Amino acid sequence: MKASSNSALRPRLGGHILVDQLIAQGVQHVFCVPGESYLAVLDGLHDAAIQVTVCRQEGGAAMMADAHGKLTGEPGICMVTRGPGASNALAGVHIASQDSTPLILFVGQIERGMREREAFQEMDYRAVFGTQAKWVTEIDQVERIPEIISRAFHVATSGRPGPVVIALPEDMLVEYAEVCDAPHYEVVDSAPTTAQLDALAKQLSQAKKPVAILGGTRWNQAAVDKFAEFATRYRLPVAVQFRRQMLFSVDHPCFIGDVGLGSNPELMQYIKEADLVLLVGGRMSEIASQSYTLFDIPVPAQTLVHVYPDVGELNRVYRADLAINVSPASFADSLSALQPAQPAAWAPSLDVMRASYLSWTDPTEIRHPGTLQMGQVMSYLRTALPEDAIMCNGAGNYATWLHRFHPFKRYGTQLAPTSGSMGYGLPAAVGAKRIDPSKTVVCFAGDGCFMMHGQEFATAVQYKLPIIVILIDNGMYGTIRMHQERHYPARPSATALQNPDFAAYAAAFGGHGERVETTDQFAPAFARAVASQKPAILHCLIDPETISPSTTLQKIREQAQAAQA
């Protein structure tokens, strides 16, 4: 599609030109905290067919934009003001960077003539964001807005996706120019060569114990379905990386589990003993690699086929026997050409690992201290939630219940930061519900995690978004306390929390809130939360000893003391 002809040009305000570029690139949602530094852009949004979500803190706005990028594959758009606003937004930019999420952050900037005087809220954006974004720039000339916005969309979505930061000098935005709008961006991609597919087929034919591990971004529903068909033909065991469970259905007979925190030990052993690893879309970074212990570095003991959309990542840590520089979607598109020549030699081991996975993720036998049993809560949610419910969480041991026991069956149902950022779950849930109000959206949060961005509950109320927050309260920063007991037993320090009544917190904002102290109370409370059609918080109080599904603080402490004796 070509840009509009010069005959249609008319003088436009810089802020309006920017908004017109967003429309030309297909943007439908903007998440922002307003600021006087970009009033001309806000004025342009007044009449635009773009849905604007006003947030309560810039970090929450950036996380909502990240959620948009994760769910759609299109850049999430965030707008914040200069200085403190940009500083707050950095948390979301870091998430988008480590999670390979397309995101574009627009930041108001001081007037061009005031630079390097330490003007009000002045910041060197290239220096501050340079290590976290794929590209950081500042628009000095109003005539270049279409060019730079077009480039930003291409950079954010091509190769390994990630964040772009664009600073907007206040005086530039109020200048006028006659410029053409840029055409809609197109994601750059390629396809595997015939030789690469032949090599993969040969390696599969020679394998005795293969495994596929899926991760990263640039997937879509069609790619997920096509890879599942490929796995079915080969009876190929498939695992997913940390917080990428939505890439392969738990119901598929080839699925054997997730490679992350608190993973099935039998799965970890299977991967170590595998003779062929097909790594698609993921980097196999610290968490998924179990602190870089699953594979030898730089040359893994296993034959490694690594499929990744950015050539800069291939062979960076792990030397691949076959490196394929394409997106997961393009790779999955090419797999129909591969057909097994004989029945899978590894079928018995797949059956063993599938049985191990089903046993590991059965919540019905989990018992822990306290009157509220999380295993039974997870069993209830399996029956109460639709398959396309979007599950959101931040960071903390509480998330283990969700990642281990929730049956992710569809693409687009998971929002969780692989960067381990606390406070992500609530703004992600708000963003997801804002994007698609028809979906059931559930946020899992710990007491410490929730309070990092709890103010965005007000955003949910403002836009009448009936998300459900399952707030798991153990009165501490549980993950840090767990590590303290492991390394400094019986010496807790700086991890205790005194929390508010979170049910009353929800009601104070105009939402629905309930306190849940026993297992029997959870199901009726959840049903009432759904029926309320309001943003809801279920304040679930669990025993502080319940630090994970498999152990307690006391056990960790005793083991550490015994080791030190």
Protein backbone atom coordinates (compact mmCIF):
# COMPACT_ATOMS: atom_id res chain seq x y z
CA MET A 1 0.00 0.00 0.00
CA LYS A 2 1.48 3.35 -1.05
CA ALA A 3 1.39 6.56 0.93
CA SER A 4 -1.19 9.19 0.07
CA SER A 5 -0.38 11.44 -2.89
CA ASN A 6 1.03 14.93 -2.46
CA SER A 7 -2.18 16.40 -3.85
CA ALA A 8 -3.93 15.42 -0.65
CA LEU A 9 -1.39 17.11 1.62
CA ARG A 10 -2.39 19.78 4.10
CA PRO A 11 -0.55 21.41 6.98
CA ARG A 12 -0.90 19.35 10.17
CA LEU A 13 0.23 19.87 13.73
CA GLY A 14 3.12 17.60 14.71
CA GLY A 15 1.13 15.90 17.46
CA HIS A 16 -1.67 15.20 14.99
CA ILE A 17 0.75 13.87 12.38
CA LEU A 18 2.00 11.37 14.97
CA VAL A 19 -1.51 10.17 15.77
CA ASP A 20 -2.26 9.83 12.05
CA GLN A 21 0.82 7.62 11.71
CA LEU A 22 -0.45 5.35 14.48
CA ILE A 23 -3.76 5.04 12.65
CA ALA A 24 -1.93 4.26 9.41
CA GLN A 25 -0.03 1.48 11.21
CA GLY A 26 -3.29 -0.06 12.46
CA VAL A 27 -3.08 1.01 16.11
CA GLN A 28 -6.36 0.63 18.00
CA HIS A 29 -5.22 1.00 21.61
CA VAL A 30 -2.98 3.45 23.48
CA PHE A 31 -2.10 3.10 27.17
CA CYS A 32 -0.93 6.30 28.81
CA VAL A 33 -0.45 8.57 31.76
CA PRO A 34 -0.99 12.12 30.45
CA GLY A 35 1.63 14.85 30.68
CA GLU A 36 2.00 18.45 29.63
CA SER A 37 5.02 17.50 27.55
CA TYR A 38 2.88 15.87 24.84
CA LEU A 39 -0.38 17.82 24.94
CA ALA A 40 -0.41 18.10 21.14
CA VAL A 41 -0.51 14.30 20.84
CA LEU A 42 -3.30 14.04 23.41
CA ASP A 43 -5.22 16.62 21.37
CA GLY A 44 -4.73 14.49 18.27
CA LEU A 45 -6.13 11.48 20.11
CA HIS A 46 -9.28 13.44 21.02
CA ASP A 47 -10.92 12.82 17.63
CA ALA A 48 -9.01 9.67 16.62
CA ALA A 49 -10.52 6.20 16.29
CA ILE A 50 -8.07 4.91 18.88
CA GLN A 51 -9.10 3.63 22.29
CA VAL A 52 -7.15 5.44 25.00
CA THR A 53 -6.69 3.83 28.42
CA VAL A 54 -5.65 6.29 31.11
CA CYS A 55 -3.56 4.51 33.74
CA ARG A 56 -2.55 5.44 37.29
CA GLN A 57 1.21 4.91 36.97
CA GLU A 58 3.54 4.76 33.99
CA GLY A 59 4.90 1.33 34.90
CA GLY A 60 1.37 -0.05 34.77
CA ALA A 61 0.75 1.64 31.43
CA ALA A 62 3.90 0.10 29.94
CA MET A 63 2.94 -3.33 31.29
CA MET A 64 -0.51 -3.02 29.71
CA ALA A 65 1.17 -2.18 26.41
CA ASP A 66 3.43 -5.20 26.86
CA ALA A 67 0.36 -7.38 27.42
CA HIS A 68 -1.07 -6.04 24.16
CA GLY A 69 2.14 -6.96 22.35
CA LYS A 70 2.16 -10.46 23.82
CA LEU A 71 -1.46 -11.19 22.91
CA THR A 72 -1.51 -9.67 19.41
CA GLY A 73 2.06 -9.77 18.13
CA GLU A 74 1.59 -6.10 17.22
CA PRO A 75 3.45 -3.34 19.05
CA GLY A 76 1.77 -2.22 22.24
CA ILE A 77 1.68 1.58 22.39
CA CYS A 78 2.47 3.46 25.59
CA MET A 79 2.70 7.23 26.12
CA VAL A 80 4.23 8.86 29.18
CA THR A 81 5.63 12.21 30.18
CA ARG A 82 9.27 13.13 30.61
CA GLY A 83 11.64 12.46 33.50
CA PRO A 84 9.77 10.72 36.36
CA GLY A 85 7.16 9.36 33.95
CA ALA A 86 9.80 7.82 31.73
CA SER A 87 11.63 6.43 34.77
CA ASN A 88 8.48 4.68 35.95
CA ALA A 89 7.89 3.23 32.47
CA LEU A 90 11.35 1.64 32.41
CA ALA A 91 10.02 -1.36 34.35
CA GLY A 92 7.71 -2.24 31.45
CA VAL A 93 10.43 -1.62 28.87
CA HIS A 94 12.71 -4.09 30.67
CA ILE A 95 9.95 -6.70 30.61
CA ALA A 96 9.41 -6.19 26.88
CA SER A 97 13.15 -6.45 26.30
CA GLN A 98 13.70 -9.73 28.14
CA ASP A 99 10.38 -11.19 26.96
CA SER A 100 10.92 -10.20 23.29
CA THR A 101 7.65 -8.26 23.16
CA PRO A 102 6.99 -5.61 20.49
CA LEU A 103 6.34 -2.29 22.24
CA ILE A 104 6.71 1.38 21.36
CA LEU A 105 7.10 3.88 24.18
CA PHE A 106 6.54 7.54 23.37
CA VAL A 107 8.06 9.93 25.91
CA GLY A 108 7.48 13.65 26.16
CA GLN A 109 10.70 15.66 26.00
CA ILE A 110 11.84 19.18 26.89
CA GLU A 111 12.00 21.82 24.17
CA ARG A 112 14.98 21.43 21.86
CA GLY A 113 16.50 24.80 22.80
CA MET A 114 16.72 23.82 26.48
CA ARG A 115 18.89 20.73 26.10
CA GLU A 116 21.87 20.11 28.36
CA ARG A 117 20.86 22.78 30.89
CA GLU A 118 19.22 20.23 33.20
CA ALA A 119 15.84 21.69 32.38
CA PHE A 120 12.71 20.62 34.26
CA GLN A 121 12.52 16.80 34.12
CA GLU A 122 15.27 16.62 31.49
CA MET A 123 16.60 13.17 30.69
CA ASP A 124 18.99 11.72 28.13
CA TYR A 125 16.70 9.02 26.77
CA ARG A 126 19.32 7.38 24.61
CA ALA A 127 21.56 6.91 27.64
CA VAL A 128 18.79 5.79 29.99
CA PHE A 129 17.00 3.35 27.67
CA GLY A 130 19.89 2.44 25.38
CA THR A 131 20.66 -0.92 26.98
CA GLN A 132 17.00 -1.96 27.26
CA ALA A 133 15.47 -1.03 23.90
CA LYS A 134 16.16 -2.18 20.36
CA TRP A 135 16.23 1.45 19.26
CA VAL A 136 16.04 4.77 21.11
CA THR A 137 15.61 7.98 19.17
CA GLU A 138 14.32 11.53 19.36
CA ILE A 139 12.31 13.27 16.63
CA ASP A 140 13.97 16.60 16.02
CA GLN A 141 12.17 17.51 12.79
CA VAL A 142 8.40 17.41 12.48
CA GLU A 143 8.73 16.38 8.82
CA ARG A 144 10.41 13.11 9.86
CA ILE A 145 7.57 11.84 12.05
CA PRO A 146 6.16 9.42 9.40
CA GLU A 147 9.62 8.06 8.59
CA ILE A 148 10.57 7.44 12.21
CA ILE A 149 7.22 5.95 13.24
CA SER A 150 7.34 3.57 10.27
CA ARG A 151 10.86 2.49 11.20
CA ALA A 152 9.83 2.01 14.84
CA PHE A 153 7.12 -0.49 13.90
CA HIS A 154 9.54 -2.45 11.71
CA VAL A 155 12.25 -2.52 14.38
CA ALA A 156 9.82 -3.53 17.15
CA THR A 157 8.39 -6.48 15.20
CA SER A 158 11.21 -7.83 13.04
CA GLY A 159 13.95 -10.26 14.05
CA ARG A 160 13.74 -10.71 17.80
CA PRO A 161 10.86 -8.38 18.75
CA GLY A 162 11.38 -5.81 21.46
CA PRO A 163 10.78 -2.27 22.68
CA VAL A 164 11.47 0.99 20.86
CA VAL A 165 11.60 4.33 22.71
CA ILE A 166 10.85 7.61 20.94
CA ALA A 167 11.32 10.99 22.64
CA LEU A 168 9.08 13.84 21.49
CA PRO A 169 10.38 17.39 22.03
CA GLU A 170 7.48 19.52 23.16
CA ASP A 171 8.15 22.33 20.69
CA MET A 172 8.49 19.93 17.75
CA LEU A 173 4.99 18.60 18.41
CA VAL A 174 3.40 22.03 17.93
CA GLU A 175 5.07 22.78 14.60
CA TYR A 176 3.19 22.29 11.33
CA ALA A 177 4.26 20.29 8.28
CA GLU A 178 2.90 18.92 5.02
CA VAL A 179 3.95 15.27 4.86
CA CYS A 180 2.63 11.97 3.52
CA ASP A 181 1.56 9.22 5.88
CA ALA A 182 3.76 6.13 5.81
CA PRO A 183 2.23 2.85 4.59
CA HIS A 184 1.37 0.04 7.02
CA TYR A 185 4.42 -1.84 8.28
CA GLU A 186 5.21 -5.38 7.12
CA VAL A 187 7.06 -7.81 9.35
CA VAL A 188 10.23 -9.05 7.66
CA ASP A 189 10.56 -12.83 7.58
CA SER A 190 12.14 -15.67 5.65
CA ALA A 191 11.63 -19.43 5.33
CA PRO A 192 13.82 -22.44 6.09
CA THR A 193 15.78 -23.73 3.13
CA THR A 194 15.16 -27.15 1.65
CA ALA A 195 18.61 -28.19 2.82
CA GLN A 196 17.80 -27.19 6.42
CA LEU A 197 14.53 -29.13 6.41
CA ASP A 198 16.29 -32.16 4.92
CA ALA A 199 18.94 -31.95 7.65
CA LEU A 200 16.26 -31.79 10.34
CA ALA A 201 14.47 -34.80 8.86
CA LYS A 202 17.74 -36.75 8.85
CA GLN A 203 18.48 -35.90 12.47
CA LEU A 204 14.99 -36.96 13.53
CA SER A 205 15.38 -40.26 11.68
CA GLN A 206 18.60 -40.96 13.57
CA ALA A 207 17.39 -39.86 17.01
CA LYS A 208 16.65 -42.28 19.84
CA LYS A 209 15.51 -39.80 22.49
CA PRO A 210 14.50 -36.41 21.02
CA VAL A 211 12.65 -33.51 22.59
CA ALA A 212 11.26 -30.23 21.26
CA ILE A 213 11.31 -27.16 23.51
CA LEU A 214 9.15 -24.22 22.47
CA GLY A 215 9.57 -20.63 23.61
CA GLY A 216 9.91 -17.02 22.58
CA THR A 217 7.54 -14.89 20.55
CA ARG A 218 6.44 -14.48 16.90
CA TRP A 219 4.03 -17.38 17.28
CA ASN A 220 0.35 -17.27 16.39
CA GLN A 221 -2.55 -19.71 16.61
CA ALA A 222 -1.86 -21.14 13.15
CA ALA A 223 1.80 -21.75 14.02
CA VAL A 224 0.85 -23.44 17.29
CA ASP A 225 -1.61 -25.69 15.45
CA LYS A 226 0.88 -26.60 12.72
CA PHE A 227 3.61 -27.48 15.18
CA ALA A 228 1.12 -29.65 17.08
CA GLU A 229 0.34 -31.49 13.82
CA PHE A 230 4.06 -32.01 13.23
CA ALA A 231 4.51 -33.37 16.76
CA THR A 232 1.59 -35.74 16.23
CA ARG A 233 3.09 -37.17 13.02
CA TYR A 234 6.45 -37.80 14.68
CA ARG A 235 5.10 -38.57 18.16
CA LEU A 236 7.68 -36.01 19.24
CA PRO A 237 7.89 -35.19 22.97
CA VAL A 238 7.26 -31.46 23.42
CA ALA A 239 8.04 -29.19 26.38
CA VAL A 240 7.62 -25.42 26.72
CA GLN A 241 9.92 -22.84 28.26
CA PHE A 242 9.30 -20.81 31.39
CA ARG A 243 5.98 -18.94 31.16
CA ARG A 244 5.35 -20.00 27.56
CA GLN A 245 2.77 -22.68 28.39
CA MET A 246 0.26 -21.35 25.86
CA LEU A 247 2.46 -22.53 22.97
CA PHE A 248 1.35 -26.18 23.24
CA SER A 249 -1.86 -27.65 24.64
CA VAL A 250 -1.58 -29.67 27.82
CA ASP A 251 -4.16 -32.05 26.33
CA HIS A 252 -1.88 -33.04 23.45
CA PRO A 253 -0.53 -36.58 23.93
CA CYS A 254 2.99 -35.35 23.09
CA PHE A 255 3.12 -32.68 25.79
CA ILE A 256 5.49 -33.53 28.64
CA GLY A 257 5.73 -30.33 30.69
CA ASP A 258 7.29 -26.91 31.17
CA VAL A 259 10.94 -26.06 31.65
CA GLY A 260 11.08 -23.32 34.27
CA LEU A 261 11.05 -22.82 38.03
CA GLY A 262 9.98 -25.78 40.16
CA SER A 263 9.77 -28.05 37.13
CA ASN A 264 9.27 -31.80 37.17
CA PRO A 265 12.68 -33.37 38.04
CA GLU A 266 11.95 -36.30 35.72
CA LEU A 267 11.49 -33.88 32.82
CA MET A 268 14.80 -32.20 33.59
CA GLN A 269 16.55 -35.56 33.59
CA TYR A 270 14.90 -36.55 30.31
CA ILE A 271 16.18 -33.40 28.61
CA LYS A 272 19.70 -33.93 29.93
CA GLU A 273 19.68 -37.46 28.51
CA ALA A 274 18.13 -36.49 25.16
CA ASP A 275 20.19 -37.03 22.03
CA LEU A 276 18.36 -34.37 19.95
CA VAL A 277 16.93 -31.04 21.11
CA LEU A 278 14.76 -29.03 18.75
CA LEU A 279 14.67 -25.55 20.30
CA VAL A 280 12.08 -23.37 18.56
CA GLY A 281 11.70 -19.66 19.25
CA GLY A 282 13.39 -19.53 22.63
CA ARG A 283 16.83 -18.46 23.87
CA MET A 284 17.09 -21.04 26.66
CA SER A 285 18.20 -18.38 29.11
CA GLU A 286 18.87 -18.71 32.84
CA ILE A 287 15.49 -19.88 34.15
CA ALA A 288 14.64 -22.32 31.37
CA SER A 289 18.18 -23.73 31.31
CA GLN A 290 18.14 -24.30 35.07
CA SER A 291 20.94 -21.75 35.59
CA TYR A 292 22.67 -22.94 32.41
CA THR A 293 23.02 -26.54 33.58
CA LEU A 294 20.78 -28.40 31.09
CA PHE A 295 23.18 -27.97 28.17
CA ASP A 296 26.95 -27.75 28.09
CA ILE A 297 28.29 -24.35 26.96
CA PRO A 298 29.32 -23.61 24.28
CA VAL A 299 28.77 -27.07 22.74
CA PRO A 300 25.82 -29.07 24.13
CA ALA A 301 26.19 -32.82 24.51
CA GLN A 302 22.87 -33.17 22.70
CA THR A 303 22.49 -32.54 19.00
CA LEU A 304 20.95 -29.06 18.93
CA VAL A 305 18.69 -27.64 16.26
CA HIS A 306 17.99 -24.01 17.12
CA VAL A 307 15.25 -22.09 15.32
CA TYR A 308 15.30 -18.36 16.10
CA PRO A 309 14.32 -15.18 14.23
CA ASP A 310 17.44 -13.19 15.13
CA VAL A 311 20.82 -14.26 13.76
CA GLY A 312 22.53 -12.38 16.60
CA GLU A 313 21.19 -14.92 19.11
CA LEU A 314 22.00 -18.08 17.15
CA ASN A 315 25.29 -19.61 18.42
CA ARG A 316 25.63 -16.79 20.95
CA VAL A 317 25.51 -19.12 23.97
CA TYR A 318 24.90 -22.59 22.56
CA ARG A 319 26.66 -23.76 19.41
CA ALA A 320 23.92 -25.37 17.30
CA ASP A 321 24.47 -28.33 14.99
CA LEU A 322 21.79 -26.76 12.80
CA ALA A 323 20.90 -23.06 13.18
CA ILE A 324 17.79 -21.87 11.32
CA ASN A 325 17.29 -18.11 11.22
CA VAL A 326 13.49 -17.84 10.85
CA SER A 327 10.52 -17.02 13.05
CA PRO A 328 8.59 -19.82 14.79
CA ALA A 329 5.59 -19.04 12.58
CA SER A 330 7.61 -19.39 9.39
CA PHE A 331 9.25 -22.58 10.65
CA ALA A 332 5.92 -24.16 11.61
CA ASP A 333 4.58 -23.23 8.19
CA SER A 334 7.30 -25.35 6.56
CA LEU A 335 6.89 -28.48 8.68
CA SER A 336 4.12 -30.01 6.55
CA ALA A 337 6.87 -31.14 4.17
CA LEU A 338 8.34 -33.43 6.82
CA GLN A 339 6.97 -36.94 7.18
CA PRO A 340 8.49 -39.72 9.34
CA ALA A 341 9.86 -42.67 7.38
CA GLN A 342 9.22 -45.15 10.18
CA PRO A 343 7.41 -45.35 13.52
CA ALA A 344 9.01 -43.34 16.30
CA ALA A 345 11.67 -45.34 18.11
CA TRP A 346 11.16 -43.17 21.17
CA ALA A 347 7.43 -43.88 21.60
CA PRO A 348 7.88 -45.82 24.89
CA SER A 349 9.84 -42.99 26.50
CA LEU A 350 7.18 -40.50 25.37
CA ASP A 351 4.53 -42.58 27.11
CA VAL A 352 6.60 -42.60 30.30
CA MET A 353 7.13 -38.84 30.24
CA ARG A 354 3.50 -38.14 29.45
CA ALA A 355 2.44 -40.20 32.47
CA SER A 356 5.02 -38.37 34.59
CA TYR A 357 3.65 -35.02 33.46
CA LEU A 358 0.05 -35.98 34.28
CA SER A 359 1.06 -37.15 37.74
CA TRP A 360 3.19 -34.05 38.40
CA THR A 361 0.36 -31.67 37.50
CA ASP A 362 -2.45 -33.42 39.38
CA PRO A 363 -3.50 -30.99 42.13
CA THR A 364 -5.89 -33.35 43.90
CA GLU A 365 -3.22 -35.05 46.01
CA ILE A 366 -1.43 -31.86 47.10
CA ARG A 367 -1.74 -31.14 50.81
CA HIS A 368 -0.05 -28.37 52.78
CA PRO A 369 -0.48 -26.54 56.12
CA GLY A 370 -3.51 -24.31 56.59
CA THR A 371 -7.26 -24.30 56.07
CA LEU A 372 -7.10 -22.96 52.49
CA GLN A 373 -5.76 -25.72 50.24
CA MET A 374 -4.41 -24.33 46.97
CA GLY A 375 -4.46 -27.72 45.29
CA GLN A 376 -8.23 -27.84 45.64
CA VAL A 377 -8.50 -24.22 44.50
CA MET A 378 -6.65 -25.13 41.31
CA SER A 379 -8.88 -28.20 40.82
CA TYR A 380 -11.95 -25.99 41.04
CA LEU A 381 -10.59 -23.44 38.58
CA ARG A 382 -9.97 -26.21 36.04
CA THR A 383 -13.72 -26.78 35.87
CA ALA A 384 -14.89 -23.19 36.43
CA LEU A 385 -12.85 -21.36 33.80
CA PRO A 386 -13.40 -21.47 30.02
CA GLU A 387 -10.51 -22.79 27.91
CA ASP A 388 -9.85 -19.35 26.46
CA ALA A 389 -9.58 -17.60 29.84
CA ILE A 390 -6.51 -15.36 29.97
CA MET A 391 -4.36 -16.07 33.02
CA CYS A 392 -2.07 -13.29 34.25
CA ASN A 393 0.58 -13.16 36.95
CA GLY A 394 3.65 -11.30 38.11
CA ALA A 395 6.49 -12.86 40.10
CA GLY A 396 6.60 -14.86 43.30
CA ASN A 397 6.31 -18.40 44.59
CA TYR A 398 2.51 -18.14 44.42
CA ALA A 399 2.79 -18.30 40.60
CA THR A 400 3.99 -21.91 40.85
CA TRP A 401 0.41 -22.96 41.56
CA LEU A 402 -0.72 -21.42 38.30
CA HIS A 403 2.16 -22.58 36.11
CA ARG A 404 2.19 -26.14 37.41
CA PHE A 405 -1.51 -26.89 37.75
CA HIS A 406 -3.46 -24.71 35.33
CA PRO A 407 -4.22 -26.51 32.04
CA PHE A 408 -3.18 -24.08 29.31
CA LYS A 409 -4.84 -25.34 26.14
CA ARG A 410 -4.95 -22.40 23.74
CA TYR A 411 -2.66 -19.75 22.34
CA GLY A 412 -3.26 -16.26 23.71
CA THR A 413 -4.23 -17.36 27.21
CA GLN A 414 -1.11 -16.47 29.20
CA LEU A 415 0.39 -13.18 30.30
CA ALA A 416 3.43 -13.61 32.52
CA PRO A 417 6.84 -11.91 32.54
CA THR A 418 9.78 -14.21 31.85
CA SER A 419 11.84 -11.36 33.31
CA GLY A 420 10.38 -12.14 36.74
CA SER A 421 8.97 -8.66 37.25
CA MET A 422 6.71 -8.20 40.25
CA GLY A 423 3.52 -6.19 39.86
CA TYR A 424 2.88 -7.32 36.28
CA GLY A 425 -0.26 -9.42 36.73
CA LEU A 426 -2.81 -6.70 37.53
CA PRO A 427 -1.94 -4.23 34.74
CA ALA A 428 -1.62 -7.13 32.31
CA ALA A 429 -5.12 -8.27 33.26
CA VAL A 430 -6.48 -4.75 32.81
CA GLY A 431 -4.79 -4.51 29.41
CA ALA A 432 -6.07 -7.91 28.29
CA LYS A 433 -9.66 -7.14 29.29
CA ARG A 434 -9.46 -3.74 27.64
CA ILE A 435 -8.30 -5.34 24.39
CA ASP A 436 -10.96 -8.08 24.40
CA PRO A 437 -13.83 -7.53 26.90
CA SER A 438 -15.40 -10.85 25.86
CA LYS A 439 -12.61 -12.91 27.47
CA THR A 440 -12.55 -14.11 31.05
CA VAL A 441 -9.40 -12.60 32.58
CA VAL A 442 -7.93 -13.82 35.87
CA CYS A 443 -4.97 -12.30 37.68
CA PHE A 444 -2.95 -14.37 40.15
CA ALA A 445 -1.01 -12.13 42.54
CA GLY A 446 0.87 -12.44 45.78
CA ASP A 447 0.40 -9.84 48.50
CA GLY A 448 3.78 -8.29 47.77
CA CYS A 449 3.35 -8.54 44.01
CA PHE A 450 -0.12 -6.97 43.98
CA MET A 451 0.95 -3.88 45.88
CA MET A 452 3.62 -3.06 43.29
CA HIS A 453 0.88 -1.92 40.87
CA GLY A 454 -2.31 -2.29 42.89
CA GLN A 455 -3.41 1.20 41.91
CA GLU A 456 -4.34 -0.09 38.45
CA PHE A 457 -7.37 -1.70 40.06
CA ALA A 458 -8.78 1.83 39.80
CA THR A 459 -8.24 1.65 36.04
CA ALA A 460 -10.23 -1.59 35.90
CA VAL A 461 -13.08 0.10 37.78
CA GLN A 462 -12.96 3.23 35.64
CA TYR A 463 -13.40 1.25 32.43
CA LYS A 464 -15.79 -1.31 33.97
CA LEU A 465 -13.49 -4.26 33.33
CA PRO A 466 -14.65 -7.26 35.40
CA ILE A 467 -11.29 -8.94 35.92
CA ILE A 468 -10.90 -11.35 38.83
CA VAL A 469 -7.84 -11.07 41.06
CA ILE A 470 -6.94 -14.12 43.12
CA LEU A 471 -4.71 -12.49 45.72
CA ILE A 472 -2.68 -15.03 47.69
CA ASP A 473 -1.62 -13.51 51.00
CA ASN A 474 1.03 -15.12 53.21
CA GLY A 475 2.17 -11.88 54.85
CA MET A 476 5.66 -11.84 53.38
CA TYR A 477 7.84 -11.57 50.32
CA GLY A 478 7.67 -15.34 50.10
CA THR A 479 10.27 -16.09 47.45
CA ILE A 480 12.92 -14.02 49.23
CA ARG A 481 12.00 -15.59 52.58
CA MET A 482 12.42 -19.03 50.99
CA HIS A 483 15.93 -18.12 49.85
CA GLN A 484 16.74 -16.67 53.27
CA GLU A 485 15.77 -19.90 54.99
CA ARG A 486 17.86 -21.85 52.50
CA HIS A 487 21.02 -19.76 52.97
CA TYR A 488 20.53 -18.12 56.38
CA PRO A 489 18.11 -20.43 58.24
CA ALA A 490 16.00 -18.98 61.05
CA ARG A 491 17.27 -15.45 60.31
CA PRO A 492 14.44 -13.73 58.39
CA SER A 493 15.21 -10.13 57.51
CA ALA A 494 13.21 -7.46 55.65
CA THR A 495 10.63 -9.89 54.26
CA ALA A 496 7.63 -9.55 56.62
CA LEU A 497 4.61 -7.56 55.38
CA GLN A 498 1.64 -6.00 57.15
CA ASN A 499 -1.18 -6.02 54.62
CA PRO A 500 -4.48 -4.19 54.31
CA ASP A 501 -7.85 -5.86 54.03
CA PHE A 502 -7.75 -6.42 50.28
CA ALA A 503 -11.48 -7.16 50.09
CA ALA A 504 -12.15 -3.73 51.59
CA TYR A 505 -9.55 -2.29 49.19
CA ALA A 506 -11.58 -3.63 46.25
CA ALA A 507 -14.82 -2.22 47.65
CA ALA A 508 -13.22 1.18 48.30
CA PHE A 509 -12.43 1.49 44.60
CA GLY A 510 -15.93 0.42 43.60
CA GLY A 511 -15.18 -3.23 42.90
CA HIS A 512 -16.21 -6.55 44.47
CA GLY A 513 -14.12 -7.96 47.31
CA GLU A 514 -14.27 -11.09 49.47
CA ARG A 515 -12.06 -12.63 52.12
CA VAL A 516 -11.33 -16.34 51.68
CA GLU A 517 -9.83 -18.27 54.62
CA THR A 518 -10.94 -21.87 53.96
CA THR A 519 -11.12 -24.15 50.95
CA ASP A 520 -14.90 -24.38 51.15
CA GLN A 521 -15.22 -20.61 50.92
CA PHE A 522 -13.35 -20.27 47.63
CA ALA A 523 -15.78 -21.69 45.04
CA PRO A 524 -18.84 -19.70 46.23
CA ALA A 525 -16.72 -16.54 46.51
CA PHE A 526 -15.39 -17.01 42.99
CA ALA A 527 -18.91 -17.54 41.63
CA ARG A 528 -20.11 -14.36 43.35
CA ALA A 529 -17.15 -12.44 41.94
CA VAL A 530 -18.08 -13.54 38.42
CA ALA A 531 -21.76 -12.73 38.99
CA SER A 532 -20.93 -9.24 40.30
CA GLN A 533 -19.74 -8.13 36.85
CA LYS A 534 -17.30 -5.84 38.64
CA PRO A 535 -13.53 -5.93 38.99
CA ALA A 536 -13.06 -8.28 41.90
CA ILE A 537 -10.44 -9.27 44.46
CA LEU A 538 -10.59 -12.57 46.32
CA HIS A 539 -8.32 -12.07 49.31
CA CYS A 540 -7.04 -15.61 49.91
CA LEU A 541 -5.14 -16.10 53.14
CA ILE A 542 -2.79 -19.07 53.14
CA ASP A 543 -0.55 -20.45 55.85
CA PRO A 544 2.90 -18.80 55.71
CA GLU A 545 4.47 -22.26 55.87
CA THR A 546 2.97 -23.04 52.43
CA ILE A 547 5.87 -21.71 50.42
CA SER A 548 5.40 -23.99 47.39
CA PRO A 549 3.38 -27.05 46.34
CA SER A 550 6.22 -29.39 47.32
CA THR A 551 7.71 -28.04 50.55
CA THR A 552 7.34 -25.76 53.57
CA LEU A 553 9.51 -23.11 55.17
CA GLN A 554 10.14 -25.41 58.11
CA LYS A 555 11.43 -28.19 55.86
CA ILE A 556 13.71 -25.79 54.00
CA ARG A 557 15.02 -24.41 57.29
CA GLU A 558 15.67 -27.86 58.75
CA GLN A 559 17.47 -29.01 55.62
CA ALA A 560 19.67 -25.91 55.64
CA GLN A 561 20.48 -26.28 59.35
CA ALA A 562 21.36 -29.94 58.87
CA ALA A 563 23.68 -29.06 55.99
CA GLN A 564 25.43 -26.43 58.10
CA ALA A 565 25.79 -28.66 61.16
